[in-house]
C-alpha cells in the first residue's frame, strides 16, 4: 500500500517536472527559464527522498538530496547573477516595473468605455 502511494507521488512529481520543463524551454524571459530550472531541481530533491523511502535507505539518499539541493541553489544564484550583469540590472528592473505598471493601471480604451 505504501509502495503504491510512493510510486504515485513519484509519478506526480515527474509530471510536475515536465510542466516546469515547458517553462524552461518556452519561457518568455531568461529569468523565467532560471526559475523553471530551479523548480525542477527542487522537485528532484523531493524525488530523491521518495526513492530513499522506497528502498528503505533514507540515510544515504538524504545526503545526496542535500548536496543536490545545495548545488541547485548555488547554480540558480550564479545563473541569475550572470544574466543580470550581462544584460544590465537597471534595464531588467525597468522592464519589470513597466510590466507591473501596465497591469495595475487601466488602459486608455477601458477609461473611455467607462466614461
PDB file of N, CA and C in Angstrom:
ATOM      1  N   UNK A   1       0.813  -1.188   0.000  1.00  0.00           N
ATOM      2  CA  UNK A   1       0.000   0.000   0.000  1.00  0.00           C
ATOM      3  C   UNK A   1       0.865   1.264   0.000  1.00  0.00           C
ATOM      4  N   UNK A   2       1.851   1.292   0.906  1.00  0.00           N
ATOM      5  CA  UNK A   2       2.736   2.449   0.989  1.00  0.00           C
ATOM      6  C   UNK A   2       3.591   2.548  -0.268  1.00  0.00           C
ATOM      7  N   UNK A   3       3.996   1.391  -0.807  1.00  0.00           N
ATOM      8  CA  UNK A   3       4.801   1.408  -2.030  1.00  0.00           C
ATOM      9  C   UNK A   3       4.033   2.015  -3.197  1.00  0.00           C
ATOM     10  N   UNK A   4       2.754   1.698  -3.303  1.00  0.00           N
ATOM     11  CA  UNK A   4       1.950   2.282  -4.376  1.00  0.00           C
ATOM     12  C   UNK A   4       1.785   3.784  -4.191  1.00  0.00           C
ATOM     13  N   UNK A   5       1.625   4.222  -2.947  1.00  0.00           N
ATOM     14  CA  UNK A   5       1.491   5.642  -2.672  1.00  0.00           C
ATOM     15  C   UNK A   5       2.772   6.389  -3.047  1.00  0.00           C
ATOM     16  N   UNK A   6       3.915   5.806  -2.709  1.00  0.00           N
ATOM     17  CA  UNK A   6       5.189   6.420  -3.081  1.00  0.00           C
ATOM     18  C   UNK A   6       5.367   6.454  -4.592  1.00  0.00           C
ATOM     19  N   UNK A   7       4.940   5.396  -5.260  1.00  0.00           N
ATOM     20  CA  UNK A   7       5.039   5.356  -6.710  1.00  0.00           C
ATOM     21  C   UNK A   7       4.159   6.421  -7.352  1.00  0.00           C
ATOM     22  N   UNK A   8       2.921   6.573  -6.867  1.00  0.00           N
ATOM     23  CA  UNK A   8       2.021   7.600  -7.399  1.00  0.00           C
ATOM     24  C   UNK A   8       2.563   9.007  -7.137  1.00  0.00           C
ATOM     25  N   UNK A   9       3.131   9.213  -5.971  1.00  0.00           N
ATOM     26  CA  UNK A   9       3.718  10.515  -5.652  1.00  0.00           C
ATOM     27  C   UNK A   9       4.903  10.812  -6.565  1.00  0.00           C
ATOM     28  N   UNK A  10       5.713   9.795  -6.842  1.00  0.00           N
ATOM     29  CA  UNK A  10       6.870   9.981  -7.727  1.00  0.00           C
ATOM     30  C   UNK A  10       6.417  10.287  -9.152  1.00  0.00           C
ATOM     31  N   UNK A  11       5.383   9.599  -9.616  1.00  0.00           N
ATOM     32  CA  UNK A  11       4.871   9.856 -10.968  1.00  0.00           C
ATOM     33  C   UNK A  11       4.289  11.262 -11.047  1.00  0.00           C
ATOM     34  N   UNK A  12       3.587  11.694  -9.999  1.00  0.00           N
ATOM     35  CA  UNK A  12       3.043  13.048  -9.968  1.00  0.00           C
ATOM     36  C   UNK A  12       4.165  14.087 -10.000  1.00  0.00           C
ATOM     37  N   UNK A  13       5.219  13.842  -9.252  1.00  0.00           N
ATOM     38  CA  UNK A  13       6.364  14.759  -9.269  1.00  0.00           C
ATOM     39  C   UNK A  13       7.013  14.811 -10.652  1.00  0.00           C
ATOM     40  N   UNK A  14       7.119  13.675 -11.315  1.00  0.00           N
ATOM     41  CA  UNK A  14       7.680  13.667 -12.664  1.00  0.00           C
ATOM     42  C   UNK A  14       6.801  14.454 -13.631  1.00  0.00           C
ATOM     43  N   UNK A  15       5.484  14.343 -13.480  1.00  0.00           N
ATOM     44  CA  UNK A  15       4.574  15.126 -14.320  1.00  0.00           C
ATOM     45  C   UNK A  15       4.753  16.623 -14.059  1.00  0.00           C
ATOM     46  N   UNK A  16       4.877  17.009 -12.790  1.00  0.00           N
ATOM     47  CA  UNK A  16       5.099  18.418 -12.455  1.00  0.00           C
ATOM     48  C   UNK A  16       6.444  18.914 -12.972  1.00  0.00           C
ATOM     49  N   UNK A  17       7.429  18.030 -13.000  1.00  0.00           N
ATOM     50  CA  UNK A  17       8.731  18.402 -13.555  1.00  0.00           C
ATOM     51  C   UNK A  17       8.625  18.642 -15.058  1.00  0.00           C
ATOM     52  N   UNK A  18       7.789  17.866 -15.736  1.00  0.00           N
ATOM     53  CA  UNK A  18       7.573  18.099 -17.168  1.00  0.00           C
ATOM     54  C   UNK A  18       6.911  19.451 -17.415  1.00  0.00           C
ATOM     55  N   UNK A  19       5.973  19.827 -16.546  1.00  0.00           N
ATOM     56  CA  UNK A  19       5.358  21.146 -16.674  1.00  0.00           C
ATOM     57  C   UNK A  19       6.387  22.261 -16.469  1.00  0.00           C
ATOM     58  N   UNK A  20       7.290  22.065 -15.512  1.00  0.00           N
ATOM     59  CA  UNK A  20       8.350  23.053 -15.298  1.00  0.00           C
ATOM     60  C   UNK A  20       9.325  23.069 -16.466  1.00  0.00           C
ATOM     61  N   UNK A  21       9.523  21.917 -17.088  1.00  0.00           N
ATOM     62  CA  UNK A  21      10.401  21.860 -18.261  1.00  0.00           C
ATOM     63  C   UNK A  21       9.829  22.682 -19.408  1.00  0.00           C
ATOM     64  N   UNK A  22       8.506  22.709 -19.509  1.00  0.00           N
ATOM     65  CA  UNK A  22       7.864  23.559 -20.518  1.00  0.00           C
ATOM     66  C   UNK A  22       8.237  25.025 -20.285  1.00  0.00           C
ATOM     67  N   UNK A  23       8.288  25.454 -19.018  1.00  0.00           N
ATOM     68  CA  UNK A  23       8.676  26.834 -18.700  1.00  0.00           C
ATOM     69  C   UNK A  23      10.145  27.075 -19.032  1.00  0.00           C
ATOM     70  N   UNK A  24      10.980  26.071 -18.824  1.00  0.00           N
ATOM     71  CA  UNK A  24      12.408  26.227 -19.129  1.00  0.00           C
ATOM     72  C   UNK A  24      12.614  26.369 -20.638  1.00  0.00           C
ATOM     73  N   UNK A  25      11.914  25.575 -21.415  1.00  0.00           N
ATOM     74  CA  UNK A  25      12.105  25.603 -22.870  1.00  0.00           C
ATOM     75  C   UNK A  25      11.440  26.822 -23.491  1.00  0.00           C
ATOM     76  N   UNK A  26      10.212  27.118 -23.094  1.00  0.00           N
ATOM     77  CA  UNK A  26       9.482  28.187 -23.763  1.00  0.00           C
ATOM     78  C   UNK A  26       9.247  29.417 -22.926  1.00  0.00           C
ATOM     79  N   UNK A  27      10.071  29.637 -21.920  1.00  0.00           N
ATOM     80  CA  UNK A  27       9.867  30.789 -21.061  1.00  0.00           C
ATOM     81  C   UNK A  27      10.017  32.100 -21.811  1.00  0.00           C
ATOM     82  N   UNK A  28       9.205  33.091 -21.473  1.00  0.00           N
ATOM     83  CA  UNK A  28       9.303  34.351 -22.199  1.00  0.00           C
ATOM     84  C   UNK A  28      10.603  35.112 -21.918  1.00  0.00           C
ATOM     85  N   UNK A  29      11.210  34.902 -20.775  1.00  0.00           N
ATOM     86  CA  UNK A  29      12.466  35.597 -20.478  1.00  0.00           C
ATOM     87  C   UNK A  29      13.461  34.613 -19.862  1.00  0.00           C
ATOM     88  N   UNK A  30      14.682  35.072 -19.755  1.00  0.00           N
ATOM     89  CA  UNK A  30      15.746  34.238 -19.191  1.00  0.00           C
ATOM     90  C   UNK A  30      15.465  33.942 -17.719  1.00  0.00           C
ATOM     91  N   UNK A  31      14.965  34.938 -17.003  1.00  0.00           N
ATOM     92  CA  UNK A  31      14.703  34.733 -15.578  1.00  0.00           C
ATOM     93  C   UNK A  31      13.581  33.728 -15.351  1.00  0.00           C
ATOM     94  N   UNK A  32      12.588  33.677 -16.245  1.00  0.00           N
ATOM     95  CA  UNK A  32      11.550  32.649 -16.137  1.00  0.00           C
ATOM     96  C   UNK A  32      12.143  31.265 -16.354  1.00  0.00           C
ATOM     97  N   UNK A  33      13.076  31.169 -17.262  1.00  0.00           N
ATOM     98  CA  UNK A  33      13.738  29.877 -17.509  1.00  0.00           C
ATOM     99  C   UNK A  33      14.568  29.438 -16.318  1.00  0.00           C
ATOM    100  N   UNK A  34      15.242  30.377 -15.690  1.00  0.00           N
ATOM    101  CA  UNK A  34      16.034  30.053 -14.500  1.00  0.00           C
ATOM    102  C   UNK A  34      15.111  29.578 -13.379  1.00  0.00           C
ATOM    103  N   UNK A  35      13.980  30.242 -13.211  1.00  0.00           N
ATOM    104  CA  UNK A  35      13.023  29.845 -12.186  1.00  0.00           C
ATOM    105  C   UNK A  35      12.459  28.455 -12.456  1.00  0.00           C
ATOM    106  N   UNK A  36      12.188  28.144 -13.730  1.00  0.00           N
ATOM    107  CA  UNK A  36      11.722  26.800 -14.080  1.00  0.00           C
ATOM    108  C   UNK A  36      12.770  25.740 -13.774  1.00  0.00           C
ATOM    109  N   UNK A  37      14.022  26.049 -14.055  1.00  0.00           N
ATOM    110  CA  UNK A  37      15.103  25.115 -13.728  1.00  0.00           C
ATOM    111  C   UNK A  37      15.247  24.912 -12.239  1.00  0.00           C
ATOM    112  N   UNK A  38      15.054  25.979 -11.474  1.00  0.00           N
ATOM    113  CA  UNK A  38      15.109  25.864 -10.019  1.00  0.00           C
ATOM    114  C   UNK A  38      13.960  25.000  -9.500  1.00  0.00           C
ATOM    115  N   UNK A  39      12.792  25.138 -10.087  1.00  0.00           N
ATOM    116  CA  UNK A  39      11.647  24.312  -9.678  1.00  0.00           C
ATOM    117  C   UNK A  39      11.908  22.836  -9.978  1.00  0.00           C
ATOM    118  N   UNK A  40      12.519  22.563 -11.123  1.00  0.00           N
ATOM    119  CA  UNK A  40      12.866  21.173 -11.454  1.00  0.00           C
ATOM    120  C   UNK A  40      13.858  20.617 -10.435  1.00  0.00           C
ATOM    121  N   UNK A  41      14.838  21.418 -10.058  1.00  0.00           N
ATOM    122  CA  UNK A  41      15.817  20.970  -9.071  1.00  0.00           C
ATOM    123  C   UNK A  41      15.204  20.696  -7.710  1.00  0.00           C
ATOM    124  N   UNK A  42      14.245  21.516  -7.307  1.00  0.00           N
ATOM    125  CA  UNK A  42      13.579  21.307  -6.023  1.00  0.00           C
ATOM    126  C   UNK A  42      12.751  20.028  -6.042  1.00  0.00           C
ATOM    127  N   UNK A  43      12.061  19.801  -7.133  1.00  0.00           N
ATOM    128  CA  UNK A  43      11.256  18.576  -7.250  1.00  0.00           C
ATOM    129  C   UNK A  43      12.150  17.334  -7.323  1.00  0.00           C
ATOM    130  N   UNK A  44      13.315  17.482  -7.913  1.00  0.00           N
ATOM    131  CA  UNK A  44      14.262  16.369  -7.965  1.00  0.00           C
ATOM    132  C   UNK A  44      14.754  16.011  -6.565  1.00  0.00           C
ATOM    133  N   UNK A  45      14.960  17.007  -5.731  1.00  0.00           N
ATOM    134  CA  UNK A  45      15.364  16.757  -4.352  1.00  0.00           C
ATOM    135  C   UNK A  45      14.309  15.939  -3.616  1.00  0.00           C
ATOM    136  N   UNK A  46      13.045  16.298  -3.776  1.00  0.00           N
ATOM    137  CA  UNK A  46      11.961  15.554  -3.135  1.00  0.00           C
ATOM    138  C   UNK A  46      11.869  14.149  -3.720  1.00  0.00           C
ATOM    139  N   UNK A  47      12.079  14.023  -5.030  1.00  0.00           N
ATOM    140  CA  UNK A  47      12.046  12.716  -5.677  1.00  0.00           C
ATOM    141  C   UNK A  47      13.149  11.805  -5.138  1.00  0.00           C
ATOM    142  N   UNK A  48      14.323  12.355  -4.897  1.00  0.00           N
ATOM    143  CA  UNK A  48      15.410  11.567  -4.299  1.00  0.00           C
ATOM    144  C   UNK A  48      15.024  11.058  -2.911  1.00  0.00           C
ATOM    145  N   UNK A  49      14.345  11.889  -2.145  1.00  0.00           N
ATOM    146  CA  UNK A  49      13.912  11.445  -0.815  1.00  0.00           C
ATOM    147  C   UNK A  49      12.852  10.351  -0.913  1.00  0.00           C
ATOM    148  N   UNK A  50      11.948  10.470  -1.885  1.00  0.00           N
ATOM    149  CA  UNK A  50      10.954   9.408  -2.083  1.00  0.00           C
ATOM    150  C   UNK A  50      11.615   8.095  -2.482  1.00  0.00           C
ATOM    151  N   UNK A  51      12.640   8.170  -3.304  1.00  0.00           N
ATOM    152  CA  UNK A  51      13.377   6.958  -3.694  1.00  0.00           C
ATOM    153  C   UNK A  51      14.054   6.340  -2.471  1.00  0.00           C
ATOM    154  N   UNK A  52      14.604   7.199  -1.597  1.00  0.00           N
ATOM    155  CA  UNK A  52      15.224   6.696  -0.369  1.00  0.00           C
ATOM    156  C   UNK A  52      14.237   5.993   0.531  1.00  0.00           C
ATOM    157  N   UNK A  53      13.025   6.523   0.644  1.00  0.00           N
ATOM    158  CA  UNK A  53      11.989   5.866   1.444  1.00  0.00           C
ATOM    159  C   UNK A  53      11.585   4.543   0.799  1.00  0.00           C
ATOM    160  N   UNK A  54      11.477   4.545  -0.523  1.00  0.00           N
ATOM    161  CA  UNK A  54      11.062   3.350  -1.247  1.00  0.00           C
ATOM    162  C   UNK A  54      12.049   2.204  -1.051  1.00  0.00           C
ATOM    163  N   UNK A  55      13.344   2.502  -1.044  1.00  0.00           N
ATOM    164  CA  UNK A  55      14.372   1.470  -0.892  1.00  0.00           C
ATOM    165  C   UNK A  55      14.805   1.248   0.557  1.00  0.00           C
ATOM    166  N   UNK A  56      14.124   1.856   1.499  1.00  0.00           N
ATOM    167  CA  UNK A  56      14.436   1.713   2.921  1.00  0.00           C
ATOM    168  C   UNK A  56      15.885   2.067   3.244  1.00  0.00           C
ATOM    169  N   UNK A  57      16.414   3.061   2.558  1.00  0.00           N
ATOM    170  CA  UNK A  57      17.778   3.522   2.795  1.00  0.00           C
ATOM    171  C   UNK A  57      17.774   5.046   2.752  1.00  0.00           C
ATOM    172  N   UNK A  58      16.957   5.638   3.604  1.00  0.00           N
ATOM    173  CA  UNK A  58      16.766   7.086   3.562  1.00  0.00           C
ATOM    174  C   UNK A  58      18.026   7.846   3.942  1.00  0.00           C
ATOM    175  N   UNK A  59      18.849   7.298   4.824  1.00  0.00           N
ATOM    176  CA  UNK A  59      20.056   7.988   5.275  1.00  0.00           C
ATOM    177  C   UNK A  59      20.994   8.349   4.140  1.00  0.00           C
ATOM    178  N   UNK A  60      21.194   7.417   3.219  1.00  0.00           N
ATOM    179  CA  UNK A  60      22.089   7.678   2.095  1.00  0.00           C
ATOM    180  C   UNK A  60      21.478   8.713   1.139  1.00  0.00           C
ATOM    181  N   UNK A  61      20.182   8.594   0.886  1.00  0.00           N
ATOM    182  CA  UNK A  61      19.541   9.490  -0.062  1.00  0.00           C
ATOM    183  C   UNK A  61      19.346  10.899   0.490  1.00  0.00           C
ATOM    184  N   UNK A  62      19.283  11.038   1.814  1.00  0.00           N
ATOM    185  CA  UNK A  62      19.200  12.377   2.407  1.00  0.00           C
ATOM    186  C   UNK A  62      20.480  13.149   2.116  1.00  0.00           C
ATOM    187  N   UNK A  63      21.617  12.496   2.251  1.00  0.00           N
ATOM    188  CA  UNK A  63      22.889  13.156   1.957  1.00  0.00           C
ATOM    189  C   UNK A  63      22.960  13.594   0.495  1.00  0.00           C
ATOM    190  N   UNK A  64      22.532  12.725  -0.395  1.00  0.00           N
ATOM    191  CA  UNK A  64      22.548  13.050  -1.821  1.00  0.00           C
ATOM    192  C   UNK A  64      21.581  14.195  -2.106  1.00  0.00           C
ATOM    193  N   UNK A  65      20.400  14.163  -1.496  1.00  0.00           N
ATOM    194  CA  UNK A  65      19.394  15.197  -1.726  1.00  0.00           C
ATOM    195  C   UNK A  65      19.854  16.547  -1.202  1.00  0.00           C
ATOM    196  N   UNK A  66      20.503  16.575  -0.054  1.00  0.00           N
ATOM    197  CA  UNK A  66      21.006  17.836   0.498  1.00  0.00           C
ATOM    198  C   UNK A  66      22.095  18.404  -0.404  1.00  0.00           C
ATOM    199  N   UNK A  67      22.997  17.563  -0.860  1.00  0.00           N
ATOM    200  CA  UNK A  67      24.053  18.034  -1.766  1.00  0.00           C
ATOM    201  C   UNK A  67      23.463  18.550  -3.073  1.00  0.00           C
ATOM    202  N   UNK A  68      22.467  17.857  -3.606  1.00  0.00           N
ATOM    203  CA  UNK A  68      21.844  18.288  -4.847  1.00  0.00           C
ATOM    204  C   UNK A  68      21.094  19.602  -4.655  1.00  0.00           C
ATOM    205  N   UNK A  69      20.392  19.757  -3.539  1.00  0.00           N
ATOM    206  CA  UNK A  69      19.674  20.999  -3.271  1.00  0.00           C
ATOM    207  C   UNK A  69      20.634  22.168  -3.136  1.00  0.00           C
ATOM    208  N   UNK A  70      21.762  21.940  -2.490  1.00  0.00           N
ATOM    209  CA  UNK A  70      22.764  22.999  -2.345  1.00  0.00           C
ATOM    210  C   UNK A  70      23.349  23.392  -3.694  1.00  0.00           C
ATOM    211  N   UNK A  71      23.653  22.406  -4.528  1.00  0.00           N
ATOM    212  CA  UNK A  71      24.163  22.710  -5.874  1.00  0.00           C
ATOM    213  C   UNK A  71      23.113  23.430  -6.716  1.00  0.00           C
ATOM    214  N   UNK A  72      21.861  23.038  -6.581  1.00  0.00           N
ATOM    215  CA  UNK A  72      20.782  23.696  -7.310  1.00  0.00           C
ATOM    216  C   UNK A  72      20.667  25.157  -6.893  1.00  0.00           C
ATOM    217  N   UNK A  73      20.745  25.419  -5.608  1.00  0.00           N
ATOM    218  CA  UNK A  73      20.661  26.784  -5.102  1.00  0.00           C
ATOM    219  C   UNK A  73      21.819  27.638  -5.602  1.00  0.00           C
ATOM    220  N   UNK A  74      23.023  27.103  -5.530  1.00  0.00           N
ATOM    221  CA  UNK A  74      24.200  27.852  -5.969  1.00  0.00           C
ATOM    222  C   UNK A  74      24.158  28.086  -7.471  1.00  0.00           C
ATOM    223  N   UNK A  75      23.722  27.105  -8.241  1.00  0.00           N
ATOM    224  CA  UNK A  75      23.624  27.265  -9.694  1.00  0.00           C
ATOM    225  C   UNK A  75      22.577  28.309 -10.063  1.00  0.00           C
ATOM    226  N   UNK A  76      21.465  28.333  -9.345  1.00  0.00           N
ATOM    227  CA  UNK A  76      20.433  29.332  -9.615  1.00  0.00           C
ATOM    228  C   UNK A  76      20.944  30.732  -9.314  1.00  0.00           C
ATOM    229  N   UNK A  77      21.613  30.895  -8.187  1.00  0.00           N
ATOM    230  CA  UNK A  77      22.174  32.200  -7.863  1.00  0.00           C
ATOM    231  C   UNK A  77      23.224  32.633  -8.887  1.00  0.00           C
ATOM    232  N   UNK A  78      24.076  31.698  -9.274  1.00  0.00           N
ATOM    233  CA  UNK A  78      25.109  32.032 -10.250  1.00  0.00           C
ATOM    234  C   UNK A  78      24.540  32.397 -11.606  1.00  0.00           C
ATOM    235  N   UNK A  79      23.571  31.645 -12.081  1.00  0.00           N
ATOM    236  CA  UNK A  79      22.975  31.942 -13.385  1.00  0.00           C
ATOM    237  C   UNK A  79      22.228  33.268 -13.349  1.00  0.00           C
ATOM    238  N   UNK A  80      21.500  33.538 -12.273  1.00  0.00           N
ATOM    239  CA  UNK A  80      20.777  34.798 -12.159  1.00  0.00           C
ATOM    240  C   UNK A  80      21.743  35.973 -12.126  1.00  0.00           C
ATOM    241  N   UNK A  81      22.784  35.832 -11.358  1.00  0.00           N
ATOM    242  CA  UNK A  81      23.768  36.918 -11.273  1.00  0.00           C
ATOM    243  C   UNK A  81      24.457  37.146 -12.617  1.00  0.00           C
ATOM    244  N   UNK A  82      24.775  36.061 -13.314  1.00  0.00           N
ATOM    245  CA  UNK A  82      25.423  36.178 -14.623  1.00  0.00           C
ATOM    246  C   UNK A  82      24.535  36.911 -15.620  1.00  0.00           C
ATOM    247  N   UNK A  83      23.257  36.510 -15.704  1.00  0.00           N
ATOM    248  CA  UNK A  83      22.382  37.129 -16.687  1.00  0.00           C
ATOM    249  C   UNK A  83      21.993  38.549 -16.306  1.00  0.00           C
ATOM    250  N   UNK A  84      21.930  38.857 -15.016  1.00  0.00           N
ATOM    251  CA  UNK A  84      21.658  40.231 -14.611  1.00  0.00           C
ATOM    252  C   UNK A  84      22.813  41.155 -14.981  1.00  0.00           C
ATOM    253  N   UNK A  85      24.042  40.694 -14.779  1.00  0.00           N
ATOM    254  CA  UNK A  85      25.195  41.528 -15.124  1.00  0.00           C
ATOM    255  C   UNK A  85      25.401  41.613 -16.629  1.00  0.00           C
ATOM    256  N   UNK A  86      25.047  40.556 -17.334  1.00  0.00           N
ATOM    257  CA  UNK A  86      25.225  40.557 -18.778  1.00  0.00           C
ATOM    258  C   UNK A  86      24.285  41.551 -19.447  1.00  0.00           C
ATOM    259  N   UNK A  87      23.055  41.571 -18.991  1.00  0.00           N
ATOM    260  CA  UNK A  87      22.053  42.417 -19.626  1.00  0.00           C
ATOM    261  C   UNK A  87      21.960  43.792 -18.996  1.00  0.00           C
ATOM    262  N   UNK A  88      22.383  43.926 -17.789  1.00  0.00           N
ATOM    263  CA  UNK A  88      22.270  45.187 -17.074  1.00  0.00           C
ATOM    264  C   UNK A  88      21.060  45.149 -16.157  1.00  0.00           C
ATOM    265  N   UNK A  89      21.309  45.206 -14.859  1.00  0.00           N
ATOM    266  CA  UNK A  89      20.215  45.048 -13.907  1.00  0.00           C
ATOM    267  C   UNK A  89      19.239  46.216 -13.975  1.00  0.00           C
ATOM    268  N   UNK A  90      19.702  47.403 -14.335  1.00  0.00           N
ATOM    269  CA  UNK A  90      18.774  48.536 -14.433  1.00  0.00           C
ATOM    270  C   UNK A  90      17.771  48.330 -15.559  1.00  0.00           C
ATOM    271  N   UNK A  91      18.227  47.775 -16.663  1.00  0.00           N
ATOM    272  CA  UNK A  91      17.340  47.512 -17.796  1.00  0.00           C
ATOM    273  C   UNK A  91      16.269  46.486 -17.428  1.00  0.00           C
ATOM    274  N   UNK A  92      16.650  45.440 -16.709  1.00  0.00           N
ATOM    275  CA  UNK A  92      15.696  44.409 -16.296  1.00  0.00           C
ATOM    276  C   UNK A  92      14.718  44.984 -15.280  1.00  0.00           C
ATOM    277  N   UNK A  93      15.213  45.773 -14.336  1.00  0.00           N
ATOM    278  CA  UNK A  93      14.345  46.365 -13.329  1.00  0.00           C
ATOM    279  C   UNK A  93      13.313  47.286 -13.981  1.00  0.00           C
ATOM    280  N   UNK A  94      13.728  48.086 -14.941  1.00  0.00           N
ATOM    281  CA  UNK A  94      12.784  48.968 -15.636  1.00  0.00           C
ATOM    282  C   UNK A  94      11.741  48.167 -16.405  1.00  0.00           C
ATOM    283  N   UNK A  95      12.141  47.061 -17.032  1.00  0.00           N
ATOM    284  CA  UNK A  95      11.190  46.235 -17.778  1.00  0.00           C
ATOM    285  C   UNK A  95      10.156  45.620 -16.847  1.00  0.00           C
ATOM    286  N   UNK A  96      10.593  45.143 -15.680  1.00  0.00           N
ATOM    287  CA  UNK A  96       9.660  44.549 -14.720  1.00  0.00           C
ATOM    288  C   UNK A  96       8.707  45.598 -14.181  1.00  0.00           C
ATOM    289  N   UNK A  97       9.224  46.787 -13.862  1.00  0.00           N
ATOM    290  CA  UNK A  97       8.357  47.842 -13.354  1.00  0.00           C
ATOM    291  C   UNK A  97       7.369  48.310 -14.410  1.00  0.00           C
ATOM    292  N   UNK A  98       7.777  48.361 -15.672  1.00  0.00           N
ATOM    293  CA  UNK A  98       6.861  48.740 -16.744  1.00  0.00           C
ATOM    294  C   UNK A  98       5.739  47.714 -16.896  1.00  0.00           C
ATOM    295  N   UNK A  99       6.070  46.429 -16.807  1.00  0.00           N
ATOM    296  CA  UNK A  99       5.050  45.379 -16.907  1.00  0.00           C
ATOM    297  C   UNK A  99       4.048  45.490 -15.764  1.00  0.00           C
ATOM    298  N   UNK A 100       4.540  45.747 -14.558  1.00  0.00           N
ATOM    299  CA  UNK A 100       3.636  45.870 -13.408  1.00  0.00           C
ATOM    300  C   UNK A 100       2.770  47.109 -13.539  1.00  0.00           C
ATOM    301  N   UNK A 101       3.339  48.198 -14.055  1.00  0.00           N
ATOM    302  CA  UNK A 101       2.556  49.422 -14.212  1.00  0.00           C
ATOM    303  C   UNK A 101       1.439  49.217 -15.230  1.00  0.00           C
ATOM    304  N   UNK A 102       1.695  48.442 -16.266  1.00  0.00           N
ATOM    305  CA  UNK A 102       0.669  48.182 -17.268  1.00  0.00           C
ATOM    306  C   UNK A 102      -0.461  47.332 -16.701  1.00  0.00           C
ATOM    307  N   UNK A 103      -0.138  46.397 -15.812  1.00  0.00           N
ATOM    308  CA  UNK A 103      -1.186  45.543 -15.252  1.00  0.00           C
ATOM    309  C   UNK A 103      -1.978  46.256 -14.173  1.00  0.00           C
ATOM    310  N   UNK A 104      -1.363  47.220 -13.488  1.00  0.00           N
ATOM    311  CA  UNK A 104      -2.047  47.929 -12.408  1.00  0.00           C
ATOM    312  C   UNK A 104      -2.929  49.048 -12.952  1.00  0.00           C
ATOM    313  N   UNK A 105      -2.400  49.856 -13.857  1.00  0.00           N
ATOM    314  CA  UNK A 105      -3.174  50.991 -14.364  1.00  0.00           C
ATOM    315  C   UNK A 105      -4.017  50.558 -15.554  1.00  0.00           C
ATOM    316  N   UNK A 106      -5.249  51.015 -15.612  1.00  0.00           N
ATOM    317  CA  UNK A 106      -6.101  50.669 -16.745  1.00  0.00           C
ATOM    318  C   UNK A 106      -5.649  51.393 -18.007  1.00  0.00           C
ATOM    319  N   UNK A 107      -5.913  50.788 -19.141  1.00  0.00           N
ATOM    320  CA  UNK A 107      -5.521  51.401 -20.406  1.00  0.00           C
ATOM    321  C   UNK A 107      -6.490  52.510 -20.768  1.00  0.00           C
ATOM    322  N   UNK A 108      -6.131  53.306 -21.782  1.00  0.00           N
ATOM    323  CA  UNK A 108      -6.965  54.423 -22.203  1.00  0.00           C
ATOM    324  C   UNK A 108      -8.304  53.950 -22.744  1.00  0.00           C
ATOM    325  N   UNK A 109      -8.315  52.832 -23.457  1.00  0.00           N
ATOM    326  CA  UNK A 109      -9.561  52.348 -24.043  1.00  0.00           C
ATOM    327  C   UNK A 109     -10.561  51.933 -22.971  1.00  0.00           C
ATOM    328  N   UNK A 110     -10.074  51.371 -21.855  1.00  0.00           N
ATOM    329  CA  UNK A 110     -11.005  50.983 -20.798  1.00  0.00           C
ATOM    330  C   UNK A 110     -11.506  52.212 -20.046  1.00  0.00           C
ATOM    331  N   UNK A 111     -10.689  53.293 -19.950  1.00  0.00           N
ATOM    332  CA  UNK A 111     -11.149  54.523 -19.318  1.00  0.00           C
ATOM    333  C   UNK A 111     -12.230  55.174 -20.176  1.00  0.00           C
ATOM    334  N   UNK A 112     -12.050  55.155 -21.499  1.00  0.00           N
ATOM    335  CA  UNK A 112     -13.017  55.759 -22.388  1.00  0.00           C
ATOM    336  C   UNK A 112     -14.339  55.019 -22.376  1.00  0.00           C
ATOM    337  N   UNK A 113     -14.284  53.679 -22.263  1.00  0.00           N
ATOM    338  CA  UNK A 113     -15.509  52.899 -22.272  1.00  0.00           C
ATOM    339  C   UNK A 113     -16.298  53.089 -20.982  1.00  0.00           C
ATOM    340  N   UNK A 114     -15.605  53.394 -19.876  1.00  0.00           N
ATOM    341  CA  UNK A 114     -16.266  53.627 -18.599  1.00  0.00           C
ATOM    342  C   UNK A 114     -16.966  54.981 -18.602  1.00  0.00           C
ATOM    343  N   UNK A 115     -16.331  55.992 -19.180  1.00  0.00           N
ATOM    344  CA  UNK A 115     -16.879  57.355 -19.191  1.00  0.00           C
ATOM    345  C   UNK A 115     -18.096  57.504 -20.030  1.00  0.00           C
TER     346      UNK A 115
END
